[in-house]
Amino acid sequence: MKWGGIVFIVLAIYFALFSSLQAAEPLSDTGQTKCFDESGVEINPCPAPGTAFYGQDAHYSRDRSYTKLDSDDNNLSNLTTNWSMVRDNVTGLIWEVKQSRDGVKNYDNPHDTDNTYTWYSTGIGGTPGDSTDTEDFINSLNTGSGFCGHTDWRLPTIKELSRLTDLNRYHPSIDITFFPRVVLNDYYCEYWSSTCHALYGASQAWIVDFENAGANCLLGTMGSFHVRAVRSEQ
């Protein structure tokens, strides 16, 4: 076989694998509606195709789509007032729904909105607690038959958690029709991800702010913050 044929085959395999990776990780719309130049100055209206600065996030919109689920994985009406989980129909991720926001922590109920946890992961590190760290939280969902019959709940990565924020929303930047009782704070981020600092390891982890869309923070894992569990649809 000539070299040209070998190169063609290699490139075909590469692009097939690349396409499959893209297809395996669909993206939610960020909600970005504005365009900017290289200096950060807004361009209004956004540039037309074929002109400078065309092809920004604001040029591409993808519908956000969520479905409320009951404890048996059944689809519910968007108007229902009682649901256990939410499926992101774009990414396929299944999210825990928080309960009972009354300003009082209740660690006997891992879904209590008011509960906060330090960041900890066995084998990685962090700040362990007595039923009050993120690993304790996840373990409480996966014991026995598991929450809603599933034992593969986990803390979301920073990428997964950030996808719940919408740059076109503020206070909160998450859709409270599906994710009610979200905790907001004007001064610091509130929800732990599973992603720790690339250089400093488990001393710091990434955390998401649902007050200001797109505001992600690095905070010390000894801090006590809120959580929301996720699982991947099978």
Protein backbone atom coordinates (compact mmCIF):
# COMPACT_ATOMS: atom_id res chain seq x y z
CA MET A 1 0.00 0.00 0.00
CA LYS A 2 1.31 3.42 -0.94
CA TRP A 3 2.01 6.00 1.76
CA GLY A 4 -0.85 8.15 0.53
CA GLY A 5 -3.29 5.30 1.19
CA ILE A 6 -1.88 4.71 4.69
CA VAL A 7 -2.13 8.40 5.56
CA PHE A 8 -5.72 8.46 4.32
CA ILE A 9 -6.65 5.48 6.50
CA VAL A 10 -4.96 6.98 9.57
CA LEU A 11 -6.75 10.29 9.04
CA ALA A 12 -10.07 8.51 8.53
CA ILE A 13 -9.65 6.63 11.81
CA TYR A 14 -8.64 9.84 13.61
CA PHE A 15 -11.66 11.80 12.41
CA ALA A 16 -13.99 8.88 13.17
CA LEU A 17 -12.70 8.73 16.75
CA PHE A 18 -12.83 12.51 17.10
CA SER A 19 -16.42 12.60 15.84
CA SER A 20 -17.44 9.82 18.23
CA LEU A 21 -15.94 11.72 21.16
CA GLN A 22 -17.83 14.84 20.17
CA ALA A 23 -21.05 12.87 19.85
CA ALA A 24 -20.49 11.27 23.24
CA GLU A 25 -20.38 14.61 25.03
CA PRO A 26 -23.22 16.88 23.90
CA LEU A 27 -23.16 20.43 25.21
CA SER A 28 -25.92 22.48 26.79
CA ASP A 29 -26.46 26.02 25.60
CA THR A 30 -24.49 28.50 27.72
CA GLY A 31 -27.06 31.25 27.32
CA GLN A 32 -24.46 33.67 25.94
CA THR A 33 -26.19 36.23 23.69
CA LYS A 34 -23.52 38.93 23.25
CA CYS A 35 -20.47 39.14 20.96
CA PHE A 36 -17.17 40.90 21.66
CA ASP A 37 -13.98 41.94 19.91
CA GLU A 38 -10.43 41.06 20.99
CA SER A 39 -10.45 43.89 23.55
CA GLY A 40 -13.66 42.74 25.20
CA VAL A 41 -15.77 45.53 23.67
CA GLU A 42 -19.28 44.39 22.81
CA ILE A 43 -20.18 44.09 19.13
CA ASN A 44 -23.85 44.84 18.58
CA PRO A 45 -25.28 43.31 16.51
CA CYS A 46 -23.10 40.22 16.42
CA PRO A 47 -20.85 39.95 13.33
CA ALA A 48 -22.34 38.49 10.16
CA PRO A 49 -20.99 35.27 8.59
CA GLY A 50 -17.74 35.87 6.75
CA THR A 51 -16.82 38.96 8.78
CA ALA A 52 -14.30 39.41 11.58
CA PHE A 53 -15.19 37.90 14.93
CA TYR A 54 -17.92 35.69 13.50
CA GLY A 55 -18.34 32.27 15.09
CA GLN A 56 -18.61 33.22 18.77
CA ASP A 57 -20.70 31.39 21.34
CA ALA A 58 -23.58 33.84 20.85
CA HIS A 59 -23.87 32.79 17.19
CA TYR A 60 -24.85 29.28 18.18
CA SER A 61 -27.84 28.39 20.29
CA ARG A 62 -28.84 24.96 21.54
CA ASP A 63 -32.08 24.34 23.33
CA ARG A 64 -31.96 23.49 27.03
CA SER A 65 -34.33 20.68 27.86
CA TYR A 66 -35.11 19.16 31.25
CA THR A 67 -37.58 16.50 32.39
CA LYS A 68 -38.82 15.98 35.94
CA LEU A 69 -38.63 12.36 37.13
CA ASP A 70 -40.27 10.51 40.00
CA SER A 71 -38.45 8.05 42.27
CA ASP A 72 -39.07 5.24 39.74
CA ASP A 73 -37.51 7.11 36.80
CA ASN A 74 -40.90 7.92 35.27
CA ASN A 75 -41.30 11.16 33.30
CA LEU A 76 -43.51 13.76 34.95
CA SER A 77 -45.24 16.88 33.75
CA ASN A 78 -43.22 20.08 34.00
CA LEU A 79 -46.11 21.43 36.07
CA THR A 80 -45.79 18.81 38.80
CA THR A 81 -44.87 20.10 42.24
CA ASN A 82 -43.42 16.83 43.53
CA TRP A 83 -40.42 15.25 41.81
CA SER A 84 -37.21 13.49 42.88
CA MET A 85 -34.79 13.92 40.00
CA VAL A 86 -34.24 15.95 36.84
CA ARG A 87 -32.92 14.58 33.56
CA ASP A 88 -30.95 16.92 31.33
CA ASN A 89 -32.22 15.78 27.93
CA VAL A 90 -29.17 17.26 26.18
CA THR A 91 -26.37 15.73 28.23
CA GLY A 92 -28.27 12.71 29.59
CA LEU A 93 -27.19 13.51 33.15
CA ILE A 94 -29.64 12.82 35.99
CA TRP A 95 -29.61 15.36 38.83
CA GLU A 96 -30.72 15.09 42.44
CA VAL A 97 -33.44 17.53 43.51
CA LYS A 98 -32.95 19.21 46.88
CA GLN A 99 -35.63 19.42 49.58
CA SER A 100 -36.73 21.30 52.66
CA ARG A 101 -35.08 24.70 52.72
CA ASP A 102 -35.90 26.01 56.18
CA GLY A 103 -32.50 27.26 57.37
CA VAL A 104 -31.95 24.18 59.55
CA LYS A 105 -29.41 21.50 58.62
CA ASN A 106 -30.58 17.89 58.79
CA TYR A 107 -27.85 15.39 57.96
CA ASP A 108 -30.30 12.51 58.40
CA ASN A 109 -31.75 13.74 55.12
CA PRO A 110 -28.96 14.05 52.53
CA HIS A 111 -31.33 15.97 50.23
CA ASP A 112 -31.79 18.79 52.74
CA THR A 113 -30.93 22.02 50.94
CA ASP A 114 -29.41 23.57 54.05
CA ASN A 115 -26.77 20.89 54.59
CA THR A 116 -23.17 21.87 53.90
CA TYR A 117 -20.12 19.63 53.59
CA THR A 118 -16.34 19.82 53.54
CA TRP A 119 -14.65 18.41 50.43
CA TYR A 120 -13.15 14.96 50.86
CA SER A 121 -12.33 11.94 48.71
CA THR A 122 -10.61 8.74 49.86
CA GLY A 123 -7.27 8.32 48.13
CA ILE A 124 -7.16 11.97 47.14
CA GLY A 125 -7.59 13.82 50.41
CA GLY A 126 -9.37 16.90 51.59
CA THR A 127 -11.07 17.52 54.93
CA PRO A 128 -12.94 14.51 56.35
CA GLY A 129 -15.97 15.01 58.56
CA ASP A 130 -18.38 12.97 60.63
CA SER A 131 -21.23 12.55 58.11
CA THR A 132 -20.42 16.09 57.01
CA ASP A 133 -17.99 15.69 54.11
CA THR A 134 -18.80 15.24 50.41
CA GLU A 135 -17.87 11.56 50.42
CA ASP A 136 -20.23 10.95 53.35
CA PHE A 137 -22.96 12.68 51.35
CA ILE A 138 -22.43 10.51 48.28
CA ASN A 139 -22.18 7.33 50.35
CA SER A 140 -25.52 8.14 51.98
CA LEU A 141 -27.14 8.19 48.53
CA ASN A 142 -25.57 4.93 47.42
CA THR A 143 -26.20 2.74 50.48
CA GLY A 144 -28.64 -0.15 50.27
CA SER A 145 -30.75 0.02 47.13
CA GLY A 146 -29.63 3.62 46.62
CA PHE A 147 -31.48 6.87 46.11
CA CYS A 148 -34.35 6.25 43.67
CA GLY A 149 -33.00 2.73 43.17
CA HIS A 150 -29.58 3.84 41.90
CA THR A 151 -26.19 3.34 43.57
CA ASP A 152 -24.01 5.25 41.11
CA TRP A 153 -24.58 8.78 42.41
CA ARG A 154 -21.48 10.98 42.50
CA LEU A 155 -20.33 14.55 42.91
CA PRO A 156 -20.38 16.30 39.51
CA THR A 157 -17.23 17.50 37.80
CA ILE A 158 -16.75 21.24 37.44
CA LYS A 159 -17.68 20.95 33.76
CA GLU A 160 -20.91 19.09 34.53
CA LEU A 161 -21.97 21.40 37.35
CA SER A 162 -21.19 24.53 35.31
CA ARG A 163 -23.52 23.32 32.57
CA LEU A 164 -26.47 24.00 34.87
CA THR A 165 -25.67 27.73 34.80
CA ASP A 166 -27.20 29.94 32.14
CA LEU A 167 -25.32 33.11 31.16
CA ASN A 168 -28.64 34.69 30.23
CA ARG A 169 -29.97 34.30 33.79
CA TYR A 170 -29.05 36.06 37.00
CA HIS A 171 -30.04 35.60 40.63
CA PRO A 172 -30.27 32.71 40.15
CA SER A 173 -28.45 31.55 37.01
CA ILE A 174 -30.06 28.09 37.25
CA ASP A 175 -33.59 27.20 36.13
CA ILE A 176 -35.54 27.06 39.38
CA THR A 177 -38.52 25.49 37.61
CA PHE A 178 -36.52 22.28 37.71
CA PHE A 179 -33.94 23.07 40.42
CA PRO A 180 -35.80 24.88 43.21
CA ARG A 181 -34.49 25.97 46.61
CA VAL A 182 -31.04 26.78 45.25
CA VAL A 183 -28.76 28.55 47.76
CA LEU A 184 -27.35 31.89 46.64
CA ASN A 185 -24.65 34.06 48.17
CA ASP A 186 -23.37 37.43 47.00
CA TYR A 187 -19.84 36.94 48.31
CA TYR A 188 -18.66 33.45 47.44
CA CYS A 189 -19.54 30.38 45.43
CA GLU A 190 -21.76 27.73 46.97
CA TYR A 191 -21.74 24.26 45.33
CA TRP A 192 -18.85 21.79 45.38
CA SER A 193 -17.70 19.93 42.27
CA SER A 194 -15.55 16.80 42.36
CA THR A 195 -12.69 18.58 40.57
CA CYS A 196 -9.77 19.55 42.76
CA HIS A 197 -6.88 21.90 41.94
CA ALA A 198 -4.59 20.62 39.17
CA LEU A 199 -1.43 21.71 41.05
CA TYR A 200 -2.34 21.79 44.73
CA GLY A 201 -4.53 18.69 44.75
CA ALA A 202 -7.08 18.19 47.49
CA SER A 203 -6.21 21.36 49.40
CA GLN A 204 -8.48 23.28 46.99
CA ALA A 205 -11.43 22.27 44.82
CA TRP A 206 -13.60 23.97 42.22
CA ILE A 207 -16.98 25.30 43.28
CA VAL A 208 -19.84 26.87 41.29
CA ASP A 209 -21.83 30.00 42.00
CA PHE A 210 -25.50 29.95 40.93
CA GLU A 211 -25.91 33.61 41.88
CA ASN A 212 -23.71 34.89 39.05
CA ALA A 213 -23.67 32.72 35.94
CA GLY A 214 -20.26 31.47 34.94
CA ALA A 215 -18.59 32.37 38.24
CA ASN A 216 -16.47 29.41 39.28
CA CYS A 217 -14.14 29.57 42.29
CA LEU A 218 -11.28 27.66 43.85
CA LEU A 219 -11.79 27.30 47.60
CA GLY A 220 -10.03 25.42 50.36
CA THR A 221 -11.53 21.99 50.96
CA MET A 222 -11.87 22.71 54.68
CA GLY A 223 -14.70 25.09 53.83
CA SER A 224 -18.26 23.81 54.26
CA PHE A 225 -20.49 24.31 51.22
CA HIS A 226 -23.55 22.91 49.48
CA VAL A 227 -23.78 19.92 47.14
CA ARG A 228 -25.91 18.43 44.39
CA ALA A 229 -25.44 14.84 43.25
CA VAL A 230 -25.52 13.56 39.68
CA ARG A 231 -25.46 10.26 37.84
CA SER A 232 -25.05 9.33 34.20
CA GLU A 233 -28.09 7.94 32.39
CA GLN A 234 -27.55 4.32 31.42
